[in-house]
């Protein structure tokens, strides 16, 4: 069996989702007690945060952190055989693209031998810079995808000015002769294709297709989520969300 690229840390726990407070705090119940969990997801997590749903949390790496747990995933469509996990931790795509690069599992990054995370370019800081002998610099920006509508995995799930800025930055990179790639990690199994959510953020959707036409690479990969961790799956085809 192939090794999972991003295993969850030891000591993860499941509980029952109760509510979300002030965007970055989630309440769950576990063994009859209320537990507060940190969420780093600033999106709406549309359709996922249903009271009574099962959620997965990991222990904080820093034992002195105010909230001792981190929100990792939500169970969608129940705990039975029809249900599945959806990964909601927005730090996962950045860690996944790095782990996949070093494991040789990014077909669009073949030939590159250097991976640098969080590199500055002008006034912006992008998630990764890849370099290789005789190859143009490859800049990568990572996004987490949790929403599926009518079998289409969609991003974003809330209006994102920051996301639009990133698309403009990527187009500028291509115009200067370098490569620019968006890495969308779809952390759920039910989307069969990927596209920008024009109903939620028409500006982002328009910029997305403008970026495609300009030569920005779009790489929406499936994330395979289980209680053991997250692995990298196939690349999804692009489509327009309507």
C-alpha atoms as a PDB file:
ATOM      1  CA  UNK A   1       0.000   0.000   0.000  1.00  0.00           C
ATOM      2  CA  UNK A   2       1.298   3.461  -0.933  1.00  0.00           C
ATOM      3  CA  UNK A   3       2.288   5.661   1.979  1.00  0.00           C
ATOM      4  CA  UNK A   4      -0.107   8.540   2.756  1.00  0.00           C
ATOM      5  CA  UNK A   5       1.655  11.808   1.952  1.00  0.00           C
ATOM      6  CA  UNK A   6       0.223  13.735   4.913  1.00  0.00           C
ATOM      7  CA  UNK A   7      -0.669  11.447   7.828  1.00  0.00           C
ATOM      8  CA  UNK A   8      -2.539  13.046  10.696  1.00  0.00           C
ATOM      9  CA  UNK A   9      -0.627  13.300  13.981  1.00  0.00           C
ATOM     10  CA  UNK A  10      -1.204  10.792  16.745  1.00  0.00           C
ATOM     11  CA  UNK A  11      -4.007  11.555  19.158  1.00  0.00           C
ATOM     12  CA  UNK A  12      -6.664  12.819  16.734  1.00  0.00           C
ATOM     13  CA  UNK A  13     -10.231  12.740  17.997  1.00  0.00           C
ATOM     14  CA  UNK A  14     -13.726  12.777  16.542  1.00  0.00           C
ATOM     15  CA  UNK A  15     -16.623  14.672  18.044  1.00  0.00           C
ATOM     16  CA  UNK A  16     -19.983  16.171  17.204  1.00  0.00           C
ATOM     17  CA  UNK A  17     -20.092  19.615  15.599  1.00  0.00           C
ATOM     18  CA  UNK A  18     -22.137  22.151  17.571  1.00  0.00           C
ATOM     19  CA  UNK A  19     -21.414  25.622  16.171  1.00  0.00           C
ATOM     20  CA  UNK A  20     -18.848  28.019  14.727  1.00  0.00           C
ATOM     21  CA  UNK A  21     -18.082  31.242  16.600  1.00  0.00           C
ATOM     22  CA  UNK A  22     -16.162  34.278  15.303  1.00  0.00           C
ATOM     23  CA  UNK A  23     -14.971  32.373  12.231  1.00  0.00           C
ATOM     24  CA  UNK A  24     -11.898  30.735  13.796  1.00  0.00           C
ATOM     25  CA  UNK A  25     -13.452  28.855  16.729  1.00  0.00           C
ATOM     26  CA  UNK A  26     -15.568  25.711  16.482  1.00  0.00           C
ATOM     27  CA  UNK A  27     -17.406  23.980  19.320  1.00  0.00           C
ATOM     28  CA  UNK A  28     -17.716  20.213  19.360  1.00  0.00           C
ATOM     29  CA  UNK A  29     -18.917  17.769  21.969  1.00  0.00           C
ATOM     30  CA  UNK A  30     -16.852  14.738  22.880  1.00  0.00           C
ATOM     31  CA  UNK A  31     -17.798  12.187  25.503  1.00  0.00           C
ATOM     32  CA  UNK A  32     -20.573  14.521  26.616  1.00  0.00           C
ATOM     33  CA  UNK A  33     -18.259  17.494  27.163  1.00  0.00           C
ATOM     34  CA  UNK A  34     -17.902  20.728  25.193  1.00  0.00           C
ATOM     35  CA  UNK A  35     -14.517  21.183  23.481  1.00  0.00           C
ATOM     36  CA  UNK A  36     -13.367  24.308  21.629  1.00  0.00           C
ATOM     37  CA  UNK A  37     -11.368  23.752  18.446  1.00  0.00           C
ATOM     38  CA  UNK A  38      -9.314  26.197  16.362  1.00  0.00           C
ATOM     39  CA  UNK A  39     -10.284  26.532  12.684  1.00  0.00           C
ATOM     40  CA  UNK A  40      -7.880  28.187  10.237  1.00  0.00           C
ATOM     41  CA  UNK A  41     -10.513  28.183   7.471  1.00  0.00           C
ATOM     42  CA  UNK A  42     -11.804  31.703   6.769  1.00  0.00           C
ATOM     43  CA  UNK A  43     -14.226  30.501   4.077  1.00  0.00           C
ATOM     44  CA  UNK A  44     -17.887  29.723   4.602  1.00  0.00           C
ATOM     45  CA  UNK A  45     -17.424  25.906   4.429  1.00  0.00           C
ATOM     46  CA  UNK A  46     -20.803  26.016   2.723  1.00  0.00           C
ATOM     47  CA  UNK A  47     -22.971  22.987   3.474  1.00  0.00           C
ATOM     48  CA  UNK A  48     -20.450  21.325   5.793  1.00  0.00           C
ATOM     49  CA  UNK A  49     -20.987  22.855   9.230  1.00  0.00           C
ATOM     50  CA  UNK A  50     -24.195  21.077  10.137  1.00  0.00           C
ATOM     51  CA  UNK A  51     -25.009  20.692  13.847  1.00  0.00           C
ATOM     52  CA  UNK A  52     -24.810  17.019  14.752  1.00  0.00           C
ATOM     53  CA  UNK A  53     -22.297  16.135  12.026  1.00  0.00           C
ATOM     54  CA  UNK A  54     -19.134  14.249  12.967  1.00  0.00           C
ATOM     55  CA  UNK A  55     -15.905  16.242  12.848  1.00  0.00           C
ATOM     56  CA  UNK A  56     -12.224  15.370  13.170  1.00  0.00           C
ATOM     57  CA  UNK A  57      -9.717  17.383  15.206  1.00  0.00           C
ATOM     58  CA  UNK A  58      -5.973  17.011  15.724  1.00  0.00           C
ATOM     59  CA  UNK A  59      -4.036  17.937  18.874  1.00  0.00           C
ATOM     60  CA  UNK A  60      -2.185  21.245  18.629  1.00  0.00           C
ATOM     61  CA  UNK A  61       1.572  20.910  18.142  1.00  0.00           C
ATOM     62  CA  UNK A  62       2.038  23.616  20.783  1.00  0.00           C
ATOM     63  CA  UNK A  63       0.635  22.290  24.096  1.00  0.00           C
ATOM     64  CA  UNK A  64       0.425  25.856  25.429  1.00  0.00           C
ATOM     65  CA  UNK A  65      -1.860  27.108  22.659  1.00  0.00           C
ATOM     66  CA  UNK A  66      -5.148  28.574  23.888  1.00  0.00           C
ATOM     67  CA  UNK A  67      -7.214  26.086  21.869  1.00  0.00           C
ATOM     68  CA  UNK A  68      -5.712  22.625  22.208  1.00  0.00           C
ATOM     69  CA  UNK A  69      -7.315  21.202  19.047  1.00  0.00           C
ATOM     70  CA  UNK A  70      -7.234  22.014  15.314  1.00  0.00           C
ATOM     71  CA  UNK A  71     -10.188  21.405  13.002  1.00  0.00           C
ATOM     72  CA  UNK A  72      -9.151  18.945  10.278  1.00  0.00           C
ATOM     73  CA  UNK A  73     -12.252  17.524   8.601  1.00  0.00           C
ATOM     74  CA  UNK A  74     -16.040  17.263   8.544  1.00  0.00           C
ATOM     75  CA  UNK A  75     -18.093  14.169   7.853  1.00  0.00           C
ATOM     76  CA  UNK A  76     -20.537  14.736   4.989  1.00  0.00           C
ATOM     77  CA  UNK A  77     -23.739  12.709   4.397  1.00  0.00           C
ATOM     78  CA  UNK A  78     -23.521  10.877   7.708  1.00  0.00           C
ATOM     79  CA  UNK A  79     -21.355   8.197   9.280  1.00  0.00           C
ATOM     80  CA  UNK A  80     -22.728   5.350   7.152  1.00  0.00           C
ATOM     81  CA  UNK A  81     -21.353   3.911   3.895  1.00  0.00           C
ATOM     82  CA  UNK A  82     -22.687   6.872   1.874  1.00  0.00           C
ATOM     83  CA  UNK A  83     -20.767   9.363   3.986  1.00  0.00           C
ATOM     84  CA  UNK A  84     -17.270  10.725   3.418  1.00  0.00           C
ATOM     85  CA  UNK A  85     -14.710  13.065   4.940  1.00  0.00           C
ATOM     86  CA  UNK A  86     -14.082  16.606   3.695  1.00  0.00           C
ATOM     87  CA  UNK A  87     -10.783  18.223   4.686  1.00  0.00           C
ATOM     88  CA  UNK A  88     -11.180  21.808   5.925  1.00  0.00           C
ATOM     89  CA  UNK A  89      -7.675  22.647   7.184  1.00  0.00           C
ATOM     90  CA  UNK A  90      -6.402  25.362   4.819  1.00  0.00           C
ATOM     91  CA  UNK A  91      -2.737  24.704   5.638  1.00  0.00           C
ATOM     92  CA  UNK A  92      -2.977  21.269   4.005  1.00  0.00           C
ATOM     93  CA  UNK A  93      -2.618  22.329   0.318  1.00  0.00           C
ATOM     94  CA  UNK A  94       0.710  24.059   1.016  1.00  0.00           C
ATOM     95  CA  UNK A  95       2.042  21.044   2.875  1.00  0.00           C
ATOM     96  CA  UNK A  96       0.636  18.681   0.260  1.00  0.00           C
ATOM     97  CA  UNK A  97       2.252  20.378  -2.725  1.00  0.00           C
ATOM     98  CA  UNK A  98       5.635  20.270  -0.986  1.00  0.00           C
ATOM     99  CA  UNK A  99       5.273  16.633   0.069  1.00  0.00           C
ATOM    100  CA  UNK A 100       4.075  15.636  -3.406  1.00  0.00           C
ATOM    101  CA  UNK A 101       6.985  17.478  -5.021  1.00  0.00           C
ATOM    102  CA  UNK A 102       9.551  15.625  -2.926  1.00  0.00           C
ATOM    103  CA  UNK A 103       7.741  12.321  -3.572  1.00  0.00           C
ATOM    104  CA  UNK A 104       7.861  12.913  -7.338  1.00  0.00           C
ATOM    105  CA  UNK A 105       4.077  12.967  -7.624  1.00  0.00           C
ATOM    106  CA  UNK A 106       3.563  16.295  -9.403  1.00  0.00           C
ATOM    107  CA  UNK A 107       3.645  15.522 -13.136  1.00  0.00           C
ATOM    108  CA  UNK A 108       3.597  19.227 -13.980  1.00  0.00           C
ATOM    109  CA  UNK A 109       6.786  19.834 -11.945  1.00  0.00           C
ATOM    110  CA  UNK A 110       9.018  17.199 -13.553  1.00  0.00           C
ATOM    111  CA  UNK A 111      12.634  18.336 -13.939  1.00  0.00           C
ATOM    112  CA  UNK A 112      12.506  20.813 -11.064  1.00  0.00           C
ATOM    113  CA  UNK A 113      14.863  19.965  -8.219  1.00  0.00           C
ATOM    114  CA  UNK A 114      14.499  22.892  -5.804  1.00  0.00           C
ATOM    115  CA  UNK A 115      11.400  23.741  -3.749  1.00  0.00           C
ATOM    116  CA  UNK A 116      11.267  26.923  -1.682  1.00  0.00           C
ATOM    117  CA  UNK A 117       8.169  27.744   0.322  1.00  0.00           C
ATOM    118  CA  UNK A 118       6.767  31.225   1.009  1.00  0.00           C
ATOM    119  CA  UNK A 119       8.951  33.175  -1.418  1.00  0.00           C
ATOM    120  CA  UNK A 120       8.642  36.904  -1.997  1.00  0.00           C
ATOM    121  CA  UNK A 121       8.055  38.326  -5.450  1.00  0.00           C
ATOM    122  CA  UNK A 122       7.785  42.096  -5.640  1.00  0.00           C
ATOM    123  CA  UNK A 123       5.256  43.188  -3.036  1.00  0.00           C
ATOM    124  CA  UNK A 124       3.682  39.729  -2.848  1.00  0.00           C
ATOM    125  CA  UNK A 125       4.555  36.504  -1.091  1.00  0.00           C
ATOM    126  CA  UNK A 126       3.625  33.361  -2.990  1.00  0.00           C
ATOM    127  CA  UNK A 127       3.297  29.868  -1.563  1.00  0.00           C
ATOM    128  CA  UNK A 128       6.177  28.224  -3.434  1.00  0.00           C
ATOM    129  CA  UNK A 129       8.953  28.781  -5.945  1.00  0.00           C
ATOM    130  CA  UNK A 130      10.392  25.867  -7.922  1.00  0.00           C
ATOM    131  CA  UNK A 131      13.625  25.948  -9.892  1.00  0.00           C
ATOM    132  CA  UNK A 132      15.448  23.440 -12.053  1.00  0.00           C
ATOM    133  CA  UNK A 133      18.370  23.324 -14.480  1.00  0.00           C
ATOM    134  CA  UNK A 134      17.475  24.960 -17.783  1.00  0.00           C
ATOM    135  CA  UNK A 135      13.853  25.496 -16.726  1.00  0.00           C
ATOM    136  CA  UNK A 136      11.898  28.713 -16.155  1.00  0.00           C
ATOM    137  CA  UNK A 137      11.116  29.506 -12.531  1.00  0.00           C
ATOM    138  CA  UNK A 138       7.765  27.998 -11.537  1.00  0.00           C
ATOM    139  CA  UNK A 139       5.659  29.932  -9.018  1.00  0.00           C
ATOM    140  CA  UNK A 140       2.864  28.086  -7.218  1.00  0.00           C
ATOM    141  CA  UNK A 141      -0.113  29.371  -5.253  1.00  0.00           C
ATOM    142  CA  UNK A 142      -2.215  26.878  -3.255  1.00  0.00           C
ATOM    143  CA  UNK A 143      -5.942  26.866  -2.466  1.00  0.00           C
ATOM    144  CA  UNK A 144      -8.173  24.526  -0.475  1.00  0.00           C
ATOM    145  CA  UNK A 145     -11.464  23.391  -2.043  1.00  0.00           C
ATOM    146  CA  UNK A 146     -14.339  22.080   0.089  1.00  0.00           C
ATOM    147  CA  UNK A 147     -17.428  22.884  -1.999  1.00  0.00           C
ATOM    148  CA  UNK A 148     -19.097  20.707  -4.636  1.00  0.00           C
ATOM    149  CA  UNK A 149     -22.238  21.711  -6.556  1.00  0.00           C
ATOM    150  CA  UNK A 150     -23.806  19.421  -9.175  1.00  0.00           C
ATOM    151  CA  UNK A 151     -20.678  17.236  -9.251  1.00  0.00           C
ATOM    152  CA  UNK A 152     -18.428  20.268  -9.841  1.00  0.00           C
ATOM    153  CA  UNK A 153     -15.765  21.097  -7.253  1.00  0.00           C
ATOM    154  CA  UNK A 154     -15.853  24.889  -6.915  1.00  0.00           C
ATOM    155  CA  UNK A 155     -13.629  27.638  -5.530  1.00  0.00           C
ATOM    156  CA  UNK A 156     -14.087  29.961  -3.713  1.00  0.00           C
ATOM    157  CA  UNK A 157     -16.877  29.342  -1.194  1.00  0.00           C
ATOM    158  CA  UNK A 158     -16.856  33.046  -0.202  1.00  0.00           C
ATOM    159  CA  UNK A 159     -15.824  36.260  -1.963  1.00  0.00           C
ATOM    160  CA  UNK A 160     -12.023  36.490  -1.985  1.00  0.00           C
ATOM    161  CA  UNK A 161     -10.256  39.722  -2.913  1.00  0.00           C
ATOM    162  CA  UNK A 162      -7.000  38.055  -1.921  1.00  0.00           C
ATOM    163  CA  UNK A 163      -7.652  35.219  -4.344  1.00  0.00           C
ATOM    164  CA  UNK A 164      -8.303  37.673  -7.177  1.00  0.00           C
ATOM    165  CA  UNK A 165      -5.046  39.446  -6.364  1.00  0.00           C
ATOM    166  CA  UNK A 166      -3.209  36.130  -6.633  1.00  0.00           C
ATOM    167  CA  UNK A 167      -4.652  35.467 -10.099  1.00  0.00           C
ATOM    168  CA  UNK A 168      -3.508  38.885 -11.299  1.00  0.00           C
ATOM    169  CA  UNK A 169      -0.062  38.207  -9.872  1.00  0.00           C
ATOM    170  CA  UNK A 170       0.113  34.870 -11.664  1.00  0.00           C
ATOM    171  CA  UNK A 171      -0.805  36.477 -14.980  1.00  0.00           C
ATOM    172  CA  UNK A 172       1.976  39.005 -14.495  1.00  0.00           C
ATOM    173  CA  UNK A 173       4.438  36.160 -13.870  1.00  0.00           C
ATOM    174  CA  UNK A 174       3.503  34.478 -17.148  1.00  0.00           C
ATOM    175  CA  UNK A 175       3.804  37.775 -19.031  1.00  0.00           C
ATOM    176  CA  UNK A 176       7.428  37.955 -17.885  1.00  0.00           C
ATOM    177  CA  UNK A 177       8.356  34.546 -19.259  1.00  0.00           C
ATOM    178  CA  UNK A 178       8.103  32.429 -16.098  1.00  0.00           C
ATOM    179  CA  UNK A 179       5.635  29.672 -15.217  1.00  0.00           C
ATOM    180  CA  UNK A 180       2.731  30.206 -12.839  1.00  0.00           C
ATOM    181  CA  UNK A 181       0.548  27.416 -11.465  1.00  0.00           C
ATOM    182  CA  UNK A 182      -2.508  27.364  -9.224  1.00  0.00           C
ATOM    183  CA  UNK A 183      -2.688  24.201  -7.099  1.00  0.00           C
ATOM    184  CA  UNK A 184      -6.264  23.551  -5.962  1.00  0.00           C
ATOM    185  CA  UNK A 185      -6.593  20.671  -3.504  1.00  0.00           C
ATOM    186  CA  UNK A 186     -10.139  19.297  -3.627  1.00  0.00           C
ATOM    187  CA  UNK A 187     -10.425  17.635  -0.222  1.00  0.00           C
ATOM    188  CA  UNK A 188     -13.514  15.535  -0.957  1.00  0.00           C
ATOM    189  CA  UNK A 189     -14.308  12.601  -3.260  1.00  0.00           C
ATOM    190  CA  UNK A 190     -17.543  13.613  -4.991  1.00  0.00           C
ATOM    191  CA  UNK A 191     -16.514  16.312  -7.487  1.00  0.00           C
ATOM    192  CA  UNK A 192     -15.819  14.975 -10.981  1.00  0.00           C
ATOM    193  CA  UNK A 193     -14.478  18.238 -12.420  1.00  0.00           C
ATOM    194  CA  UNK A 194     -13.382  21.675 -11.201  1.00  0.00           C
ATOM    195  CA  UNK A 195     -14.251  25.287 -11.939  1.00  0.00           C
ATOM    196  CA  UNK A 196     -14.451  28.737 -10.350  1.00  0.00           C
ATOM    197  CA  UNK A 197     -17.637  29.475  -8.387  1.00  0.00           C
ATOM    198  CA  UNK A 198     -19.050  32.318 -10.465  1.00  0.00           C
ATOM    199  CA  UNK A 199     -22.289  32.449  -8.452  1.00  0.00           C
ATOM    200  CA  UNK A 200     -20.315  33.197  -5.284  1.00  0.00           C
ATOM    201  CA  UNK A 201     -17.514  35.394  -6.673  1.00  0.00           C
ATOM    202  CA  UNK A 202     -18.076  36.500 -10.295  1.00  0.00           C
ATOM    203  CA  UNK A 203     -14.913  38.611 -10.271  1.00  0.00           C
ATOM    204  CA  UNK A 204     -12.749  35.648  -9.283  1.00  0.00           C
ATOM    205  CA  UNK A 205     -14.431  33.435 -11.889  1.00  0.00           C
ATOM    206  CA  UNK A 206     -13.839  35.960 -14.677  1.00  0.00           C
ATOM    207  CA  UNK A 207     -10.196  36.377 -13.648  1.00  0.00           C
ATOM    208  CA  UNK A 208      -9.780  32.594 -13.481  1.00  0.00           C
ATOM    209  CA  UNK A 209     -10.678  32.129 -17.148  1.00  0.00           C
ATOM    210  CA  UNK A 210      -8.687  35.216 -18.113  1.00  0.00           C
ATOM    211  CA  UNK A 211      -5.704  33.632 -16.355  1.00  0.00           C
ATOM    212  CA  UNK A 212      -6.238  30.349 -18.209  1.00  0.00           C
ATOM    213  CA  UNK A 213      -6.213  32.226 -21.514  1.00  0.00           C
ATOM    214  CA  UNK A 214      -3.044  34.065 -20.422  1.00  0.00           C
ATOM    215  CA  UNK A 215      -1.201  30.791 -19.802  1.00  0.00           C
ATOM    216  CA  UNK A 216      -1.548  30.367 -16.044  1.00  0.00           C
ATOM    217  CA  UNK A 217      -1.634  26.636 -15.280  1.00  0.00           C
ATOM    218  CA  UNK A 218      -4.572  25.298 -13.269  1.00  0.00           C
ATOM    219  CA  UNK A 219      -3.942  22.025 -11.426  1.00  0.00           C
ATOM    220  CA  UNK A 220      -6.987  20.885  -9.402  1.00  0.00           C
ATOM    221  CA  UNK A 221      -5.922  17.686  -7.650  1.00  0.00           C
ATOM    222  CA  UNK A 222      -8.148  15.363  -5.687  1.00  0.00           C
ATOM    223  CA  UNK A 223      -7.260  15.081  -2.008  1.00  0.00           C
ATOM    224  CA  UNK A 224      -8.061  11.644  -0.574  1.00  0.00           C
ATOM    225  CA  UNK A 225      -9.179  12.271   3.014  1.00  0.00           C
ATOM    226  CA  UNK A 226      -9.485   9.574   5.673  1.00  0.00           C
ATOM    227  CA  UNK A 227      -9.129   9.465   9.474  1.00  0.00           C
ATOM    228  CA  UNK A 228      -5.507   8.437   8.849  1.00  0.00           C
ATOM    229  CA  UNK A 229      -4.590  11.518   6.806  1.00  0.00           C
ATOM    230  CA  UNK A 230      -4.651  13.002   3.310  1.00  0.00           C
ATOM    231  CA  UNK A 231      -3.167  11.579   0.130  1.00  0.00           C
ATOM    232  CA  UNK A 232      -2.927  13.049  -3.370  1.00  0.00           C
ATOM    233  CA  UNK A 233      -5.265  11.789  -6.056  1.00  0.00           C
ATOM    234  CA  UNK A 234      -5.929  12.489  -9.706  1.00  0.00           C
ATOM    235  CA  UNK A 235      -6.067  15.823 -11.534  1.00  0.00           C
ATOM    236  CA  UNK A 236      -9.649  16.931 -12.264  1.00  0.00           C
ATOM    237  CA  UNK A 237     -10.676  18.410 -15.629  1.00  0.00           C
ATOM    238  CA  UNK A 238     -11.759  22.053 -15.790  1.00  0.00           C
ATOM    239  CA  UNK A 239     -15.334  23.150 -16.425  1.00  0.00           C
ATOM    240  CA  UNK A 240     -17.493  26.236 -16.044  1.00  0.00           C
ATOM    241  CA  UNK A 241     -19.786  26.353 -13.004  1.00  0.00           C
ATOM    242  CA  UNK A 242     -23.322  27.471 -13.800  1.00  0.00           C
END
